[in-house]
Amino acid sequence: MLRTDRARPRAGRPTLPAPPTEPVETPHGVRLEQLITGAGDPVTVFAHGLASDISGTRPLGSGVPGRRVFFHFRGHGRSDAPPGPWSFADLAADLRAVADRCGATRALGVSMGAAALCRLLAETPDRFERIVLYLPAPLSGPRPRAAGERFERLLAALRSGHAAEIAEAVEPEIPPSARDTPAGWSHLRRRVDQLQSDGLAEQLGTLWDEPAVPDDEALRRFRGRALIIGCAGDPVHPLDVARRLADLFPHAELDIHDRPAVLWNDRATLRDSISGFLRA
């Protein structure tokens, strides 16, 4: 199901109960879906990737101390989908609104969410004390061809409305070694159910019409600590992007994994790295 307006999503097939989320109002008038777990300080906000969701981002918060604030960008989940076109300035506004509302001092961004976080920091470099950029998306220029093709296949499958086509479009998220495992089937069913239930806004296709960050040299003004996580051999998230960001941020650590699908193939190490960095 494609989302082209602010209508609330229809219900999908029954699934296991999910943690309760809540709609939150923002200063720019876009209502966003939010989930808070944990308690106390520090507060960390988590920004998901393109066509992903809160459930897909939550494993990255395992072991992170304090409150963990997850949300859906516009056009995802049960967040609003205002008229487009949209840009990374819009996503940065979504992220800023959630972070300001909960008083977050730390942030983690995945792919598109990492690019939105960089846009926010280019505008206000003192907004966070610590950040994690996991498999960051390019900040300028065209997206990798594999990324654009994957997104277009997903949109086409949603237009069809057929669960089998949606499953086929989602399957590349799962490494071949896990596709016939209980974890692989569980992930596939959850993603198909979520996309059938909540849909995805076509306006997301305009995001890369302009650079996520017009001048990435502005990121050198960030004085907090940064952890950049890249992966060799990932056709959607070029390692050069992670290396460039590690060079731009004055106080950055670069963590490179050697196998794609890091969350599947090296989950424990990844979570330990993130939680250790955000715990400091």
Protein backbone atom coordinates (compact mmCIF):
# COMPACT_ATOMS: atom_id res chain seq x y z
CA MET A 1 0.00 0.00 0.00
CA LEU A 2 1.42 3.35 -1.04
CA ARG A 3 0.78 6.38 1.13
CA THR A 4 0.19 9.69 -0.58
CA ASP A 5 -1.73 11.64 2.07
CA ARG A 6 -2.15 12.00 5.83
CA ALA A 7 -4.68 9.20 6.17
CA ARG A 8 -4.08 6.77 8.98
CA PRO A 9 -3.00 3.30 7.81
CA ARG A 10 -5.32 0.33 7.61
CA ALA A 11 -4.85 -2.80 9.70
CA GLY A 12 -2.84 -5.73 8.39
CA ARG A 13 -2.76 -9.41 9.32
CA PRO A 14 -2.66 -10.21 13.05
CA THR A 15 0.88 -10.40 14.44
CA LEU A 16 2.46 -10.75 17.85
CA PRO A 17 1.73 -7.72 20.05
CA ALA A 18 4.18 -4.87 19.48
CA PRO A 19 5.33 -2.42 22.15
CA PRO A 20 2.94 0.53 22.38
CA THR A 21 3.84 3.58 20.34
CA GLU A 22 2.38 7.08 20.58
CA PRO A 23 1.81 9.90 18.10
CA VAL A 24 3.69 13.09 18.90
CA GLU A 25 3.07 16.56 17.50
CA THR A 26 5.99 18.53 16.06
CA PRO A 27 6.52 22.29 15.63
CA HIS A 28 6.41 21.86 11.85
CA GLY A 29 3.00 20.19 11.94
CA VAL A 30 3.98 16.62 11.02
CA ARG A 31 2.74 14.03 13.49
CA LEU A 32 5.33 11.30 14.11
CA GLU A 33 5.03 7.85 15.65
CA GLN A 34 7.33 7.32 18.63
CA LEU A 35 8.36 4.54 21.01
CA ILE A 36 10.31 5.07 24.25
CA THR A 37 12.06 2.28 26.12
CA GLY A 38 14.34 2.34 29.14
CA ALA A 39 14.56 5.06 31.77
CA GLY A 40 16.84 7.78 33.05
CA ASP A 41 19.78 9.51 31.40
CA PRO A 42 21.36 9.74 28.94
CA VAL A 43 18.65 9.92 26.29
CA THR A 44 19.45 8.53 22.83
CA VAL A 45 17.30 9.00 19.73
CA PHE A 46 17.39 6.38 16.95
CA ALA A 47 16.76 7.31 13.30
CA HIS A 48 15.96 4.41 10.94
CA GLY A 49 16.84 3.88 7.29
CA LEU A 50 14.78 4.24 4.14
CA ALA A 51 11.71 1.95 4.12
CA SER A 52 12.73 0.55 7.51
CA ASP A 53 10.91 0.88 10.81
CA ILE A 54 11.19 1.07 14.59
CA SER A 55 11.35 -2.72 14.96
CA GLY A 56 14.30 -2.91 12.60
CA THR A 57 16.22 -0.26 14.56
CA ARG A 58 15.54 -1.46 18.10
CA PRO A 59 18.23 -4.22 18.10
CA LEU A 60 20.87 -1.48 17.73
CA GLY A 61 19.74 -0.06 21.07
CA SER A 62 20.24 -3.27 23.03
CA GLY A 63 22.56 -2.50 25.92
CA VAL A 64 22.43 1.26 25.42
CA PRO A 65 21.85 2.88 28.84
CA GLY A 66 19.13 5.39 29.74
CA ARG A 67 16.05 6.18 27.69
CA ARG A 68 15.98 5.02 24.08
CA VAL A 69 13.67 6.97 21.77
CA PHE A 70 12.69 5.35 18.48
CA PHE A 71 10.48 7.03 15.90
CA HIS A 72 9.24 6.81 12.34
CA PHE A 73 10.22 9.49 9.86
CA ARG A 74 7.44 10.98 7.75
CA GLY A 75 6.00 8.52 5.27
CA HIS A 76 6.93 5.51 7.41
CA GLY A 77 4.89 3.53 9.93
CA ARG A 78 2.02 5.57 11.34
CA SER A 79 3.76 8.91 10.95
CA ASP A 80 2.16 11.52 8.72
CA ALA A 81 2.90 11.75 5.00
CA PRO A 82 2.45 15.44 4.07
CA PRO A 83 2.50 16.53 0.42
CA GLY A 84 5.94 16.38 -1.23
CA PRO A 85 8.47 16.79 -2.55
CA TRP A 86 10.59 16.08 0.52
CA SER A 87 14.26 16.74 1.22
CA PHE A 88 16.77 15.86 3.91
CA ALA A 89 16.01 19.22 5.47
CA ASP A 90 12.53 17.81 6.16
CA LEU A 91 13.95 14.63 7.69
CA ALA A 92 16.36 16.67 9.80
CA ALA A 93 13.36 18.65 11.07
CA ASP A 94 11.60 15.40 12.03
CA LEU A 95 14.69 14.17 13.87
CA ARG A 96 15.25 17.49 15.61
CA ALA A 97 11.65 17.66 16.81
CA VAL A 98 11.82 14.20 18.40
CA ALA A 99 15.26 14.84 19.92
CA ASP A 100 14.25 18.21 21.36
CA ARG A 101 11.02 16.85 22.78
CA CYS A 102 12.79 14.12 24.76
CA GLY A 103 15.99 16.03 25.54
CA ALA A 104 18.26 13.59 23.69
CA THR A 105 21.99 14.23 23.96
CA ARG A 106 22.98 11.25 21.81
CA ALA A 107 21.79 10.00 18.46
CA LEU A 108 22.16 6.99 16.19
CA GLY A 109 21.31 7.12 12.49
CA VAL A 110 21.03 4.23 10.04
CA SER A 111 21.66 4.83 6.32
CA MET A 112 19.06 7.49 5.41
CA GLY A 113 18.72 8.30 9.11
CA ALA A 114 22.49 8.83 9.30
CA ALA A 115 22.28 11.29 6.40
CA ALA A 116 19.42 13.13 8.14
CA LEU A 117 21.51 13.29 11.32
CA CYS A 118 24.43 14.74 9.35
CA ARG A 119 22.11 17.39 7.88
CA LEU A 120 21.00 18.34 11.40
CA LEU A 121 24.62 18.56 12.61
CA ALA A 122 25.65 20.66 9.62
CA GLU A 123 23.01 23.17 10.72
CA THR A 124 23.57 22.89 14.51
CA PRO A 125 26.92 21.21 15.24
CA ASP A 126 26.50 21.42 19.01
CA ARG A 127 23.16 19.59 19.15
CA PHE A 128 24.52 16.19 20.33
CA GLU A 129 27.39 15.01 22.52
CA ARG A 130 27.80 11.60 20.89
CA ILE A 131 26.56 10.16 17.60
CA VAL A 132 26.67 6.81 15.83
CA LEU A 133 26.38 6.62 12.03
CA TYR A 134 25.63 3.05 11.00
CA LEU A 135 26.07 2.23 7.29
CA PRO A 136 25.70 5.90 6.33
CA ALA A 137 24.09 6.83 3.02
CA PRO A 138 25.82 9.22 0.60
CA LEU A 139 25.49 12.89 1.51
CA SER A 140 25.77 14.14 -2.06
CA GLY A 141 25.60 12.87 -5.60
CA PRO A 142 23.42 10.00 -6.81
CA ARG A 143 22.69 7.02 -4.64
CA PRO A 144 24.34 3.73 -5.52
CA ARG A 145 22.40 2.07 -8.31
CA ALA A 146 21.63 -0.95 -6.12
CA ALA A 147 19.96 1.30 -3.53
CA GLY A 148 17.71 3.04 -6.04
CA GLU A 149 16.71 -0.22 -7.71
CA ARG A 150 15.88 -1.87 -4.39
CA PHE A 151 13.61 1.02 -3.40
CA GLU A 152 11.84 1.07 -6.78
CA ARG A 153 11.19 -2.68 -6.57
CA LEU A 154 9.64 -2.20 -3.16
CA LEU A 155 7.39 0.62 -4.37
CA ALA A 156 6.28 -1.47 -7.35
CA ALA A 157 5.47 -4.40 -5.05
CA LEU A 158 3.42 -2.14 -2.78
CA ARG A 159 1.50 -0.80 -5.77
CA SER A 160 0.58 -4.39 -6.67
CA GLY A 161 -0.80 -5.04 -3.19
CA HIS A 162 0.31 -8.69 -3.36
CA ALA A 163 2.05 -10.12 -0.31
CA ALA A 164 4.17 -12.44 -2.47
CA GLU A 165 5.57 -9.52 -4.48
CA ILE A 166 6.26 -7.53 -1.33
CA ALA A 167 8.07 -10.53 0.17
CA GLU A 168 10.19 -10.87 -2.96
CA ALA A 169 11.15 -7.18 -2.74
CA VAL A 170 12.00 -7.47 0.96
CA GLU A 171 14.00 -10.69 0.65
CA PRO A 172 17.33 -8.98 -0.25
CA GLU A 173 17.38 -7.56 3.29
CA ILE A 174 18.08 -11.10 4.52
CA PRO A 175 21.46 -12.70 3.75
CA PRO A 176 21.15 -15.95 1.74
CA SER A 177 22.47 -17.98 4.67
CA ALA A 178 19.53 -16.87 6.85
CA ARG A 179 16.62 -16.94 4.41
CA ASP A 180 15.51 -20.48 5.23
CA THR A 181 15.98 -20.13 8.98
CA PRO A 182 13.34 -19.33 11.62
CA ALA A 183 14.91 -15.88 12.10
CA GLY A 184 14.80 -15.22 8.36
CA TRP A 185 11.16 -16.26 8.03
CA SER A 186 10.22 -14.20 11.10
CA HIS A 187 11.89 -11.11 9.69
CA LEU A 188 10.25 -11.58 6.30
CA ARG A 189 6.77 -12.03 7.75
CA ARG A 190 7.17 -9.03 10.09
CA ARG A 191 8.32 -6.77 7.26
CA VAL A 192 5.56 -7.85 4.89
CA ASP A 193 2.93 -7.40 7.61
CA GLN A 194 4.31 -3.97 8.53
CA LEU A 195 4.45 -2.73 4.93
CA GLN A 196 0.97 -4.04 4.13
CA SER A 197 -0.38 -2.40 7.28
CA ASP A 198 1.38 0.96 7.22
CA GLY A 199 2.45 1.43 3.62
CA LEU A 200 5.25 3.66 2.37
CA ALA A 201 5.07 7.16 0.89
CA GLU A 202 6.17 7.68 -2.70
CA GLN A 203 7.39 11.16 -1.68
CA LEU A 204 10.45 9.44 -0.23
CA GLY A 205 11.69 9.02 -3.79
CA THR A 206 12.50 12.74 -4.00
CA LEU A 207 14.94 12.81 -1.09
CA TRP A 208 18.09 12.41 -3.17
CA ASP A 209 17.08 15.06 -5.72
CA GLU A 210 19.28 17.40 -3.67
CA PRO A 211 22.37 16.67 -1.54
CA ALA A 212 21.60 15.54 1.99
CA VAL A 213 24.26 17.99 3.17
CA PRO A 214 25.02 20.82 0.71
CA ASP A 215 28.57 21.29 2.08
CA ASP A 216 29.89 18.34 4.05
CA GLU A 217 32.85 20.44 5.26
CA ALA A 218 30.35 21.93 7.75
CA LEU A 219 30.54 18.65 9.68
CA ARG A 220 34.06 19.54 10.81
CA ARG A 221 32.44 21.93 13.31
CA PHE A 222 31.02 19.03 15.33
CA ARG A 223 32.98 18.81 18.57
CA GLY A 224 31.30 15.77 20.07
CA ARG A 225 32.38 12.15 19.66
CA ALA A 226 31.37 10.11 16.61
CA LEU A 227 31.37 6.39 15.88
CA ILE A 228 31.18 5.60 12.16
CA ILE A 229 30.31 2.00 11.25
CA GLY A 230 30.91 0.89 7.68
CA CYS A 231 31.06 -2.41 5.84
CA ALA A 232 33.20 -3.67 3.00
CA GLY A 233 31.33 -5.13 0.06
CA ASP A 234 27.93 -3.57 0.78
CA PRO A 235 26.54 -2.41 -2.61
CA VAL A 236 23.95 -0.12 -0.97
CA HIS A 237 26.26 1.57 1.55
CA PRO A 238 29.67 2.31 -0.02
CA LEU A 239 32.56 2.10 2.41
CA ASP A 240 33.97 5.32 0.98
CA VAL A 241 31.07 7.22 2.56
CA ALA A 242 31.96 5.94 6.03
CA ARG A 243 35.63 6.75 5.49
CA ARG A 244 34.82 10.26 4.31
CA LEU A 245 32.69 10.92 7.40
CA ALA A 246 35.40 9.57 9.69
CA ASP A 247 37.76 12.09 8.10
CA LEU A 248 35.31 14.98 8.46
CA PHE A 249 34.39 14.59 12.12
CA PRO A 250 37.28 15.80 14.32
CA HIS A 251 36.72 13.19 17.04
CA ALA A 252 35.65 10.07 15.15
CA GLU A 253 36.22 6.34 15.44
CA LEU A 254 35.84 4.21 12.31
CA ASP A 255 34.65 0.63 12.72
CA ILE A 256 34.73 -1.44 9.52
CA HIS A 257 33.07 -4.84 9.19
CA ASP A 258 34.15 -7.22 6.44
CA ARG A 259 30.82 -8.92 5.66
CA PRO A 260 27.56 -7.28 4.52
CA ALA A 261 24.36 -7.76 6.54
CA VAL A 262 26.24 -6.82 9.70
CA LEU A 263 23.18 -7.00 11.93
CA TRP A 264 22.68 -10.61 10.83
CA ASN A 265 26.28 -11.78 10.62
CA ASP A 266 27.93 -9.94 13.51
CA ARG A 267 25.09 -8.78 15.75
CA ALA A 268 26.74 -9.30 19.13
CA THR A 269 29.91 -7.44 18.18
CA LEU A 270 27.89 -4.63 16.61
CA ARG A 271 25.68 -4.16 19.65
CA ASP A 272 28.66 -4.26 22.01
CA SER A 273 30.42 -1.61 19.95
CA ILE A 274 27.39 0.71 19.91
CA SER A 275 26.44 0.25 23.55
CA GLY A 276 30.03 0.64 24.71
CA PHE A 277 30.44 3.88 22.77
CA LEU A 278 27.12 5.36 23.95
CA ARG A 279 27.70 4.21 27.53
CA ALA A 280 30.92 6.26 27.85
